[in-house]
């Protein structure tokens, strides 16, 4: 299981480079490339927070809205059989396929908590 850093609603990865003897990462779930690095976990966490703050400050200075992680919609390719079965199940329950998917994801995440 991967650990993610979190600051001001943004998430960042934690990677290690044995060759360079350092830790590094980048902001996740946005298109902009925002990276950071450190030699210790504490340095990496601080660099991550600074990278998020700098990204937000740069967006503000350029009068651009910062990207928000995970805008609330995504495409899922599940194959014909699963798509058909889910569509039939949703129809039988008189709900949309989006609602069925949302419920299934919520139940899955609740079980993992």
C-alpha atoms as a PDB file:
ATOM      1  CA  UNK A   1       0.000   0.000   0.000  1.00  0.00           C
ATOM      2  CA  UNK A   2       1.360   3.400  -1.009  1.00  0.00           C
ATOM      3  CA  UNK A   3       1.468   6.282   1.418  1.00  0.00           C
ATOM      4  CA  UNK A   4       0.488   9.731   0.212  1.00  0.00           C
ATOM      5  CA  UNK A   5       1.275  13.111   1.722  1.00  0.00           C
ATOM      6  CA  UNK A   6      -1.637  15.546   2.130  1.00  0.00           C
ATOM      7  CA  UNK A   7      -1.645  19.342   2.437  1.00  0.00           C
ATOM      8  CA  UNK A   8      -4.381  21.879   1.638  1.00  0.00           C
ATOM      9  CA  UNK A   9      -6.401  19.292  -0.288  1.00  0.00           C
ATOM     10  CA  UNK A  10      -3.482  18.153  -2.455  1.00  0.00           C
ATOM     11  CA  UNK A  11      -1.797  14.757  -2.384  1.00  0.00           C
ATOM     12  CA  UNK A  12       1.799  13.899  -3.114  1.00  0.00           C
ATOM     13  CA  UNK A  13       3.734  10.709  -3.750  1.00  0.00           C
ATOM     14  CA  UNK A  14       6.727   9.412  -1.836  1.00  0.00           C
ATOM     15  CA  UNK A  15       9.429   7.750  -3.943  1.00  0.00           C
ATOM     16  CA  UNK A  16      13.009   6.721  -3.190  1.00  0.00           C
ATOM     17  CA  UNK A  17      16.091   6.913  -5.408  1.00  0.00           C
ATOM     18  CA  UNK A  18      18.784   4.632  -3.978  1.00  0.00           C
ATOM     19  CA  UNK A  19      21.185   5.781  -6.720  1.00  0.00           C
ATOM     20  CA  UNK A  20      20.873   9.427  -5.653  1.00  0.00           C
ATOM     21  CA  UNK A  21      20.297   8.643  -1.967  1.00  0.00           C
ATOM     22  CA  UNK A  22      17.250  10.894  -1.830  1.00  0.00           C
ATOM     23  CA  UNK A  23      13.480  10.884  -1.588  1.00  0.00           C
ATOM     24  CA  UNK A  24      11.289  12.604  -4.140  1.00  0.00           C
ATOM     25  CA  UNK A  25       7.682  12.922  -5.206  1.00  0.00           C
ATOM     26  CA  UNK A  26       5.139  14.845  -7.226  1.00  0.00           C
ATOM     27  CA  UNK A  27       1.621  16.128  -6.769  1.00  0.00           C
ATOM     28  CA  UNK A  28      -0.945  13.508  -7.675  1.00  0.00           C
ATOM     29  CA  UNK A  29      -4.326  13.748  -9.394  1.00  0.00           C
ATOM     30  CA  UNK A  30      -3.580  16.988 -11.306  1.00  0.00           C
ATOM     31  CA  UNK A  31      -2.042  17.509 -14.756  1.00  0.00           C
ATOM     32  CA  UNK A  32       0.503  20.145 -13.722  1.00  0.00           C
ATOM     33  CA  UNK A  33       3.918  18.716 -12.926  1.00  0.00           C
ATOM     34  CA  UNK A  34       4.847  19.829  -9.417  1.00  0.00           C
ATOM     35  CA  UNK A  35       7.730  17.894  -7.872  1.00  0.00           C
ATOM     36  CA  UNK A  36       9.768  18.038  -4.674  1.00  0.00           C
ATOM     37  CA  UNK A  37      12.624  16.181  -2.994  1.00  0.00           C
ATOM     38  CA  UNK A  38      14.451  15.751   0.285  1.00  0.00           C
ATOM     39  CA  UNK A  39      17.082  13.608   1.948  1.00  0.00           C
ATOM     40  CA  UNK A  40      14.900  12.601   4.911  1.00  0.00           C
ATOM     41  CA  UNK A  41      11.196  11.987   5.369  1.00  0.00           C
ATOM     42  CA  UNK A  42      10.921  15.211   7.369  1.00  0.00           C
ATOM     43  CA  UNK A  43      12.657  17.167   4.570  1.00  0.00           C
ATOM     44  CA  UNK A  44      10.418  15.539   1.957  1.00  0.00           C
ATOM     45  CA  UNK A  45       7.268  16.433   3.896  1.00  0.00           C
ATOM     46  CA  UNK A  46       8.414  20.042   4.231  1.00  0.00           C
ATOM     47  CA  UNK A  47       9.359  20.237   0.542  1.00  0.00           C
ATOM     48  CA  UNK A  48       5.917  18.827  -0.353  1.00  0.00           C
ATOM     49  CA  UNK A  49       4.122  21.478   1.723  1.00  0.00           C
ATOM     50  CA  UNK A  50       6.295  24.206   0.172  1.00  0.00           C
ATOM     51  CA  UNK A  51       5.592  22.856  -3.332  1.00  0.00           C
ATOM     52  CA  UNK A  52       1.830  22.966  -2.742  1.00  0.00           C
ATOM     53  CA  UNK A  53       2.011  26.479  -1.286  1.00  0.00           C
ATOM     54  CA  UNK A  54       4.234  27.633  -4.170  1.00  0.00           C
ATOM     55  CA  UNK A  55       1.890  26.088  -6.757  1.00  0.00           C
ATOM     56  CA  UNK A  56      -1.094  27.907  -5.242  1.00  0.00           C
ATOM     57  CA  UNK A  57       0.834  31.189  -4.984  1.00  0.00           C
ATOM     58  CA  UNK A  58       1.996  30.908  -8.602  1.00  0.00           C
ATOM     59  CA  UNK A  59      -1.562  30.279  -9.780  1.00  0.00           C
ATOM     60  CA  UNK A  60      -2.764  33.306  -7.824  1.00  0.00           C
ATOM     61  CA  UNK A  61       0.029  35.510  -9.186  1.00  0.00           C
ATOM     62  CA  UNK A  62      -0.854  34.444 -12.735  1.00  0.00           C
ATOM     63  CA  UNK A  63      -4.552  34.929 -12.005  1.00  0.00           C
ATOM     64  CA  UNK A  64      -5.249  31.313 -12.951  1.00  0.00           C
ATOM     65  CA  UNK A  65      -7.445  28.909 -11.020  1.00  0.00           C
ATOM     66  CA  UNK A  66      -5.362  26.062  -9.585  1.00  0.00           C
ATOM     67  CA  UNK A  67      -6.285  22.569 -10.676  1.00  0.00           C
ATOM     68  CA  UNK A  68      -8.267  20.665  -8.101  1.00  0.00           C
ATOM     69  CA  UNK A  69      -7.484  16.996  -7.535  1.00  0.00           C
ATOM     70  CA  UNK A  70     -10.126  14.632  -8.880  1.00  0.00           C
ATOM     71  CA  UNK A  71     -12.849  16.821 -10.320  1.00  0.00           C
ATOM     72  CA  UNK A  72     -15.593  14.301  -9.582  1.00  0.00           C
ATOM     73  CA  UNK A  73     -15.933  12.420 -12.841  1.00  0.00           C
ATOM     74  CA  UNK A  74     -13.883   9.727 -14.529  1.00  0.00           C
ATOM     75  CA  UNK A  75     -14.182   7.182 -17.308  1.00  0.00           C
ATOM     76  CA  UNK A  76     -14.007   3.505 -16.445  1.00  0.00           C
ATOM     77  CA  UNK A  77     -13.502   0.777 -19.034  1.00  0.00           C
ATOM     78  CA  UNK A  78     -15.023  -2.373 -17.562  1.00  0.00           C
ATOM     79  CA  UNK A  79     -15.710  -4.477 -20.619  1.00  0.00           C
ATOM     80  CA  UNK A  80     -19.000  -5.363 -22.287  1.00  0.00           C
ATOM     81  CA  UNK A  81     -20.279  -8.046 -19.891  1.00  0.00           C
ATOM     82  CA  UNK A  82     -19.747  -6.040 -16.704  1.00  0.00           C
ATOM     83  CA  UNK A  83     -21.142  -2.891 -18.321  1.00  0.00           C
ATOM     84  CA  UNK A  84     -24.275  -4.727 -19.421  1.00  0.00           C
ATOM     85  CA  UNK A  85     -24.763  -6.446 -16.062  1.00  0.00           C
ATOM     86  CA  UNK A  86     -24.344  -3.137 -14.204  1.00  0.00           C
ATOM     87  CA  UNK A  87     -26.776  -1.375 -16.540  1.00  0.00           C
ATOM     88  CA  UNK A  88     -29.387  -4.098 -16.035  1.00  0.00           C
ATOM     89  CA  UNK A  89     -28.906  -4.013 -12.238  1.00  0.00           C
ATOM     90  CA  UNK A  90     -29.245  -0.222 -12.176  1.00  0.00           C
ATOM     91  CA  UNK A  91     -32.415  -0.357 -14.277  1.00  0.00           C
ATOM     92  CA  UNK A  92     -33.911  -3.039 -12.044  1.00  0.00           C
ATOM     93  CA  UNK A  93     -33.267  -0.805  -9.020  1.00  0.00           C
ATOM     94  CA  UNK A  94     -34.633   2.267 -10.845  1.00  0.00           C
ATOM     95  CA  UNK A  95     -31.343   4.141 -10.396  1.00  0.00           C
ATOM     96  CA  UNK A  96     -28.789   5.482 -12.845  1.00  0.00           C
ATOM     97  CA  UNK A  97     -25.580   3.673 -13.702  1.00  0.00           C
ATOM     98  CA  UNK A  98     -23.735   6.589 -12.051  1.00  0.00           C
ATOM     99  CA  UNK A  99     -25.658   6.026  -8.804  1.00  0.00           C
ATOM    100  CA  UNK A 100     -24.956   2.294  -8.894  1.00  0.00           C
ATOM    101  CA  UNK A 101     -21.254   2.969  -9.448  1.00  0.00           C
ATOM    102  CA  UNK A 102     -21.168   5.602  -6.699  1.00  0.00           C
ATOM    103  CA  UNK A 103     -22.826   3.188  -4.233  1.00  0.00           C
ATOM    104  CA  UNK A 104     -20.463   0.352  -5.175  1.00  0.00           C
ATOM    105  CA  UNK A 105     -17.406   2.577  -4.691  1.00  0.00           C
ATOM    106  CA  UNK A 106     -18.735   3.878  -1.360  1.00  0.00           C
ATOM    107  CA  UNK A 107     -19.361   0.351  -0.078  1.00  0.00           C
ATOM    108  CA  UNK A 108     -15.917  -0.779  -1.192  1.00  0.00           C
ATOM    109  CA  UNK A 109     -14.208   2.155   0.542  1.00  0.00           C
ATOM    110  CA  UNK A 110     -16.247   1.701   3.734  1.00  0.00           C
ATOM    111  CA  UNK A 111     -15.150  -1.944   3.939  1.00  0.00           C
ATOM    112  CA  UNK A 112     -11.501  -0.889   3.610  1.00  0.00           C
ATOM    113  CA  UNK A 113     -11.680   1.782   6.309  1.00  0.00           C
END
